Amino acid sequence: HVGTTLWETLLGFFIAVVLGYSIALLLWWSEAVRKIAEPYIVVLNALPKIALGPLIIIWFGTGSKAIVFMTVLIGLIVTILNMLNGFMATDENKILLLRSMGATKLQILTKLVIPSSLPTFISMLKINVGMAWIGSIMGEYIVSKAGIGYLIVYGGQVFKLDLVMSAVFILCILAAVMYAAVALLERLVIKNRK
């Protein structure tokens, strides 16, 4: 059960981070796309993802795919919004300086925007750790036959409080370890930047 939930959470986390980061780059790159897409992204963020449960079951069935999709769905919007804000917060004077020196948009992106948004990236990873666990457990509540969320639901149905509390305790430990890994990455990044 622990292995199942851990796999679904990590896979959903990595897909959400990579896909969200890529979409945020696209939105930074094209102002027209950003103006069109941003209101929809904000609306999707406000939508309770659990309400999409029946649709997710129809699209992906009742296996791990549905749970990973739920995890991605929850982390994706957070990643896009955080990284887009990080990219847009780049100092305009520095961008103007690079433009005046003949830098292309790609050079501005790689030499200034991405490096300056590194603290935002680390912050987004920390937020997404929690979101990934929420997504996978929520997905397991809806459509699982295995995993920590399944144990919590099963334990609640048969009134086995010890099973529920054990599952919650293990969940807390796993989330803390994942957060510690991100914190370690942050220390390594800060050390390398200095």
C-alpha atoms as a PDB file:
ATOM      1  CA  HIS A   1       0.000   0.000   0.000  1.00  0.00           C
ATOM      2  CA  VAL A   2       2.816   2.417   0.879  1.00  0.00           C
ATOM      3  CA  GLY A   3       4.669   1.622  -2.340  1.00  0.00           C
ATOM      4  CA  THR A   4       1.536   2.162  -4.437  1.00  0.00           C
ATOM      5  CA  THR A   5       0.791   5.568  -2.940  1.00  0.00           C
ATOM      6  CA  LEU A   6       4.436   6.642  -3.032  1.00  0.00           C
ATOM      7  CA  TRP A   7       4.759   5.720  -6.725  1.00  0.00           C
ATOM      8  CA  GLU A   8       1.510   7.525  -7.677  1.00  0.00           C
ATOM      9  CA  THR A   9       2.492  10.604  -5.667  1.00  0.00           C
ATOM     10  CA  LEU A  10       6.037  10.888  -7.046  1.00  0.00           C
ATOM     11  CA  LEU A  11       4.929  10.303 -10.641  1.00  0.00           C
ATOM     12  CA  GLY A  12       2.140  12.873 -10.362  1.00  0.00           C
ATOM     13  CA  PHE A  13       4.498  15.329  -8.654  1.00  0.00           C
ATOM     14  CA  PHE A  14       7.159  15.101 -11.391  1.00  0.00           C
ATOM     15  CA  ILE A  15       4.647  15.299 -14.244  1.00  0.00           C
ATOM     16  CA  ALA A  16       2.928  18.330 -12.658  1.00  0.00           C
ATOM     17  CA  VAL A  17       6.247  20.132 -12.086  1.00  0.00           C
ATOM     18  CA  VAL A  18       7.655  19.481 -15.591  1.00  0.00           C
ATOM     19  CA  LEU A  19       4.406  20.170 -17.431  1.00  0.00           C
ATOM     20  CA  GLY A  20       3.515  23.204 -15.291  1.00  0.00           C
ATOM     21  CA  TYR A  21       6.991  24.699 -15.675  1.00  0.00           C
ATOM     22  CA  SER A  22       6.822  24.229 -19.460  1.00  0.00           C
ATOM     23  CA  ILE A  23       3.385  25.850 -19.691  1.00  0.00           C
ATOM     24  CA  ALA A  24       4.549  28.767 -17.519  1.00  0.00           C
ATOM     25  CA  LEU A  25       7.521  29.259 -19.874  1.00  0.00           C
ATOM     26  CA  LEU A  26       5.141  29.300 -22.844  1.00  0.00           C
ATOM     27  CA  LEU A  27       2.891  31.843 -21.124  1.00  0.00           C
ATOM     28  CA  TRP A  28       5.899  34.052 -20.325  1.00  0.00           C
ATOM     29  CA  TRP A  29       7.161  33.738 -23.899  1.00  0.00           C
ATOM     30  CA  SER A  30       3.886  34.735 -25.581  1.00  0.00           C
ATOM     31  CA  GLU A  31       1.895  37.633 -24.168  1.00  0.00           C
ATOM     32  CA  ALA A  32      -1.066  36.826 -26.448  1.00  0.00           C
ATOM     33  CA  VAL A  33      -1.260  33.235 -25.186  1.00  0.00           C
ATOM     34  CA  ARG A  34      -0.907  34.487 -21.592  1.00  0.00           C
ATOM     35  CA  LYS A  35      -3.791  36.963 -21.935  1.00  0.00           C
ATOM     36  CA  ILE A  36      -6.031  34.260 -23.410  1.00  0.00           C
ATOM     37  CA  ALA A  37      -5.071  31.415 -21.038  1.00  0.00           C
ATOM     38  CA  GLU A  38      -4.657  33.176 -17.681  1.00  0.00           C
ATOM     39  CA  PRO A  39      -8.393  33.622 -16.878  1.00  0.00           C
ATOM     40  CA  TYR A  40      -9.034  29.943 -17.639  1.00  0.00           C
ATOM     41  CA  ILE A  41      -6.143  28.861 -15.432  1.00  0.00           C
ATOM     42  CA  VAL A  42      -7.478  30.971 -12.556  1.00  0.00           C
ATOM     43  CA  VAL A  43     -10.967  29.460 -12.981  1.00  0.00           C
ATOM     44  CA  LEU A  44      -9.495  25.927 -13.085  1.00  0.00           C
ATOM     45  CA  ASN A  45      -7.589  26.690  -9.892  1.00  0.00           C
ATOM     46  CA  ALA A  46     -10.816  27.693  -8.141  1.00  0.00           C
ATOM     47  CA  LEU A  47     -12.647  24.548  -9.295  1.00  0.00           C
ATOM     48  CA  PRO A  48     -12.817  21.828  -6.613  1.00  0.00           C
ATOM     49  CA  LYS A  49     -10.911  18.956  -8.267  1.00  0.00           C
ATOM     50  CA  ILE A  50     -12.914  16.329  -6.374  1.00  0.00           C
ATOM     51  CA  ALA A  51     -15.922  17.429  -8.463  1.00  0.00           C
ATOM     52  CA  LEU A  52     -14.108  16.060 -11.516  1.00  0.00           C
ATOM     53  CA  GLY A  53     -13.944  12.593  -9.914  1.00  0.00           C
ATOM     54  CA  PRO A  54     -16.698  11.021 -12.066  1.00  0.00           C
ATOM     55  CA  LEU A  55     -15.135  12.416 -15.254  1.00  0.00           C
ATOM     56  CA  ILE A  56     -11.699  11.140 -14.258  1.00  0.00           C
ATOM     57  CA  ILE A  57     -13.147   7.645 -13.700  1.00  0.00           C
ATOM     58  CA  ILE A  58     -14.787   7.738 -17.146  1.00  0.00           C
ATOM     59  CA  TRP A  59     -11.592   8.974 -18.835  1.00  0.00           C
ATOM     60  CA  PHE A  60      -8.994   6.859 -17.017  1.00  0.00           C
ATOM     61  CA  GLY A  61     -10.852   4.008 -15.337  1.00  0.00           C
ATOM     62  CA  THR A  62     -10.367   2.998 -11.716  1.00  0.00           C
ATOM     63  CA  GLY A  63      -6.628   2.269 -11.669  1.00  0.00           C
ATOM     64  CA  SER A  64      -3.443   4.166 -10.966  1.00  0.00           C
ATOM     65  CA  LYS A  65      -3.825   6.339 -14.087  1.00  0.00           C
ATOM     66  CA  ALA A  66      -6.829   8.103 -12.561  1.00  0.00           C
ATOM     67  CA  ILE A  67      -4.979   8.717  -9.282  1.00  0.00           C
ATOM     68  CA  VAL A  68      -1.877  10.055 -11.040  1.00  0.00           C
ATOM     69  CA  PHE A  69      -4.100  12.305 -13.172  1.00  0.00           C
ATOM     70  CA  MET A  70      -5.775  13.703 -10.041  1.00  0.00           C
ATOM     71  CA  THR A  71      -2.334  14.367  -8.532  1.00  0.00           C
ATOM     72  CA  VAL A  72      -1.171  16.108 -11.718  1.00  0.00           C
ATOM     73  CA  LEU A  73      -4.371  18.139 -11.929  1.00  0.00           C
ATOM     74  CA  ILE A  74      -3.918  19.510  -8.416  1.00  0.00           C
ATOM     75  CA  GLY A  75      -0.211  20.296  -8.753  1.00  0.00           C
ATOM     76  CA  LEU A  76      -0.294  21.589 -12.335  1.00  0.00           C
ATOM     77  CA  ILE A  77      -2.237  24.792 -11.744  1.00  0.00           C
ATOM     78  CA  VAL A  78      -0.172  25.647  -8.656  1.00  0.00           C
ATOM     79  CA  THR A  79       3.028  25.150 -10.652  1.00  0.00           C
ATOM     80  CA  ILE A  80       1.852  27.272 -13.580  1.00  0.00           C
ATOM     81  CA  LEU A  81       0.665  30.182 -11.432  1.00  0.00           C
ATOM     82  CA  ASN A  82       3.717  30.210  -9.151  1.00  0.00           C
ATOM     83  CA  MET A  83       6.282  29.926 -11.931  1.00  0.00           C
ATOM     84  CA  LEU A  84       4.528  32.465 -14.145  1.00  0.00           C
ATOM     85  CA  ASN A  85       4.588  34.933 -11.247  1.00  0.00           C
ATOM     86  CA  GLY A  86       8.283  34.131 -10.730  1.00  0.00           C
ATOM     87  CA  PHE A  87       9.063  34.719 -14.413  1.00  0.00           C
ATOM     88  CA  MET A  88       7.029  37.939 -14.534  1.00  0.00           C
ATOM     89  CA  ALA A  89       8.752  39.253 -11.379  1.00  0.00           C
ATOM     90  CA  THR A  90      12.095  39.468 -13.208  1.00  0.00           C
ATOM     91  CA  ASP A  91      13.552  42.975 -12.949  1.00  0.00           C
ATOM     92  CA  GLU A  92      12.375  44.967 -15.995  1.00  0.00           C
ATOM     93  CA  ASN A  93      15.501  47.153 -15.894  1.00  0.00           C
ATOM     94  CA  LYS A  94      17.706  44.087 -16.305  1.00  0.00           C
ATOM     95  CA  ILE A  95      15.575  42.888 -19.215  1.00  0.00           C
ATOM     96  CA  LEU A  96      15.885  46.341 -20.852  1.00  0.00           C
ATOM     97  CA  LEU A  97      19.644  46.261 -20.295  1.00  0.00           C
ATOM     98  CA  LEU A  98      19.962  42.875 -21.999  1.00  0.00           C
ATOM     99  CA  ARG A  99      17.745  44.030 -24.875  1.00  0.00           C
ATOM    100  CA  SER A 100      19.858  47.157 -25.335  1.00  0.00           C
ATOM    101  CA  MET A 101      22.920  44.912 -25.591  1.00  0.00           C
ATOM    102  CA  GLY A 102      21.242  42.942 -28.401  1.00  0.00           C
ATOM    103  CA  ALA A 103      20.166  39.846 -26.443  1.00  0.00           C
ATOM    104  CA  THR A 104      17.505  37.650 -28.023  1.00  0.00           C
ATOM    105  CA  LYS A 105      14.392  36.602 -26.128  1.00  0.00           C
ATOM    106  CA  LEU A 106      15.872  33.122 -25.677  1.00  0.00           C
ATOM    107  CA  GLN A 107      19.068  34.587 -24.195  1.00  0.00           C
ATOM    108  CA  ILE A 108      17.026  36.783 -21.837  1.00  0.00           C
ATOM    109  CA  LEU A 109      15.089  33.697 -20.768  1.00  0.00           C
ATOM    110  CA  THR A 110      18.121  31.471 -20.174  1.00  0.00           C
ATOM    111  CA  LYS A 111      20.537  34.050 -18.767  1.00  0.00           C
ATOM    112  CA  LEU A 112      18.174  36.156 -16.642  1.00  0.00           C
ATOM    113  CA  VAL A 113      14.576  34.985 -16.226  1.00  0.00           C
ATOM    114  CA  ILE A 114      15.182  31.321 -15.336  1.00  0.00           C
ATOM    115  CA  PRO A 115      18.107  31.982 -12.936  1.00  0.00           C
ATOM    116  CA  SER A 116      16.259  34.834 -11.200  1.00  0.00           C
ATOM    117  CA  SER A 117      13.162  32.646 -10.710  1.00  0.00           C
ATOM    118  CA  LEU A 118      15.097  29.887  -8.903  1.00  0.00           C
ATOM    119  CA  PRO A 119      13.815  30.877  -5.409  1.00  0.00           C
ATOM    120  CA  THR A 120      10.254  30.770  -6.790  1.00  0.00           C
ATOM    121  CA  PHE A 121      10.956  27.316  -8.230  1.00  0.00           C
ATOM    122  CA  ILE A 122      12.112  25.979  -4.851  1.00  0.00           C
ATOM    123  CA  SER A 123       9.107  27.557  -3.139  1.00  0.00           C
ATOM    124  CA  MET A 124       6.808  25.969  -5.739  1.00  0.00           C
ATOM    125  CA  LEU A 125       8.384  22.552  -5.124  1.00  0.00           C
ATOM    126  CA  LYS A 126       7.714  22.901  -1.383  1.00  0.00           C
ATOM    127  CA  ILE A 127       4.070  23.759  -2.038  1.00  0.00           C
ATOM    128  CA  ASN A 128       3.702  20.937  -4.557  1.00  0.00           C
ATOM    129  CA  VAL A 129       4.938  18.328  -2.079  1.00  0.00           C
ATOM    130  CA  GLY A 130       1.767  18.849  -0.071  1.00  0.00           C
ATOM    131  CA  MET A 131      -0.392  19.153  -3.175  1.00  0.00           C
ATOM    132  CA  ALA A 132       0.932  15.874  -4.580  1.00  0.00           C
ATOM    133  CA  TRP A 133      -0.003  13.988  -1.411  1.00  0.00           C
ATOM    134  CA  ILE A 134      -3.429  15.637  -1.340  1.00  0.00           C
ATOM    135  CA  GLY A 135      -3.983  14.662  -4.982  1.00  0.00           C
ATOM    136  CA  SER A 136      -2.935  11.044  -4.611  1.00  0.00           C
ATOM    137  CA  ILE A 137      -4.941  10.477  -1.416  1.00  0.00           C
ATOM    138  CA  MET A 138      -7.971  12.217  -2.944  1.00  0.00           C
ATOM    139  CA  GLY A 139      -7.616  10.024  -6.019  1.00  0.00           C
ATOM    140  CA  GLU A 140      -7.376   6.920  -3.836  1.00  0.00           C
ATOM    141  CA  TYR A 141     -10.499   7.980  -1.971  1.00  0.00           C
ATOM    142  CA  ILE A 142     -12.376   7.968  -5.279  1.00  0.00           C
ATOM    143  CA  VAL A 143     -10.956   5.044  -7.287  1.00  0.00           C
ATOM    144  CA  SER A 144      -8.454   2.835  -5.522  1.00  0.00           C
ATOM    145  CA  LYS A 145      -8.013  -0.808  -4.732  1.00  0.00           C
ATOM    146  CA  ALA A 146      -4.681  -0.234  -2.968  1.00  0.00           C
ATOM    147  CA  GLY A 147      -2.736   2.545  -1.277  1.00  0.00           C
ATOM    148  CA  ILE A 148      -2.776   4.571   1.915  1.00  0.00           C
ATOM    149  CA  GLY A 149      -5.969   6.408   0.925  1.00  0.00           C
ATOM    150  CA  TYR A 150      -7.653   3.063   0.336  1.00  0.00           C
ATOM    151  CA  LEU A 151      -6.585   1.904   3.821  1.00  0.00           C
ATOM    152  CA  ILE A 152      -7.998   5.085   5.374  1.00  0.00           C
ATOM    153  CA  VAL A 153     -11.344   4.617   3.582  1.00  0.00           C
ATOM    154  CA  TYR A 154     -11.472   0.896   4.379  1.00  0.00           C
ATOM    155  CA  GLY A 155     -10.530   1.490   8.022  1.00  0.00           C
ATOM    156  CA  GLY A 156     -13.277   4.097   8.328  1.00  0.00           C
ATOM    157  CA  GLN A 157     -15.874   1.770   6.802  1.00  0.00           C
ATOM    158  CA  VAL A 158     -15.134  -1.113   9.180  1.00  0.00           C
ATOM    159  CA  PHE A 159     -14.495   1.182  12.191  1.00  0.00           C
ATOM    160  CA  LYS A 160     -10.820   0.172  12.582  1.00  0.00           C
ATOM    161  CA  LEU A 161      -9.456   3.384  14.037  1.00  0.00           C
ATOM    162  CA  ASP A 162      -5.997   1.864  14.558  1.00  0.00           C
ATOM    163  CA  LEU A 163      -5.713   1.206  10.795  1.00  0.00           C
ATOM    164  CA  VAL A 164      -6.822   4.757   9.967  1.00  0.00           C
ATOM    165  CA  MET A 165      -4.396   6.339  12.443  1.00  0.00           C
ATOM    166  CA  SER A 166      -1.507   4.118  11.304  1.00  0.00           C
ATOM    167  CA  ALA A 167      -2.143   5.066   7.670  1.00  0.00           C
ATOM    168  CA  VAL A 168      -2.301   8.770   8.540  1.00  0.00           C
ATOM    169  CA  PHE A 169       0.925   8.495  10.573  1.00  0.00           C
ATOM    170  CA  ILE A 170       2.754   6.779   7.681  1.00  0.00           C
ATOM    171  CA  LEU A 171       1.405   9.437   5.330  1.00  0.00           C
ATOM    172  CA  CYS A 172       2.845  12.173   7.566  1.00  0.00           C
ATOM    173  CA  ILE A 173       6.255  10.482   7.634  1.00  0.00           C
ATOM    174  CA  LEU A 174       6.352  10.081   3.834  1.00  0.00           C
ATOM    175  CA  ALA A 175       5.326  13.708   3.280  1.00  0.00           C
ATOM    176  CA  ALA A 176       7.984  14.891   5.754  1.00  0.00           C
ATOM    177  CA  VAL A 177      10.695  12.857   3.977  1.00  0.00           C
ATOM    178  CA  MET A 178       9.666  14.270   0.595  1.00  0.00           C
ATOM    179  CA  TYR A 179       9.680  17.818   1.996  1.00  0.00           C
ATOM    180  CA  ALA A 180      13.121  17.198   3.543  1.00  0.00           C
ATOM    181  CA  ALA A 181      14.405  16.126   0.101  1.00  0.00           C
ATOM    182  CA  VAL A 182      13.195  19.439  -1.374  1.00  0.00           C
ATOM    183  CA  ALA A 183      14.765  21.357   1.532  1.00  0.00           C
ATOM    184  CA  LEU A 184      18.066  19.543   0.885  1.00  0.00           C
ATOM    185  CA  LEU A 185      17.835  20.495  -2.791  1.00  0.00           C
ATOM    186  CA  GLU A 186      17.278  24.107  -1.722  1.00  0.00           C
ATOM    187  CA  ARG A 187      20.428  24.075   0.434  1.00  0.00           C
ATOM    188  CA  LEU A 188      22.480  22.598  -2.417  1.00  0.00           C
ATOM    189  CA  VAL A 189      21.160  25.203  -4.865  1.00  0.00           C
ATOM    190  CA  ILE A 190      21.906  28.094  -2.467  1.00  0.00           C
ATOM    191  CA  LYS A 191      25.380  26.683  -1.794  1.00  0.00           C
ATOM    192  CA  ASN A 192      26.112  26.458  -5.549  1.00  0.00           C
ATOM    193  CA  ARG A 193      24.816  29.979  -6.200  1.00  0.00           C
ATOM    194  CA  LYS A 194      27.182  31.416  -3.589  1.00  0.00           C
END
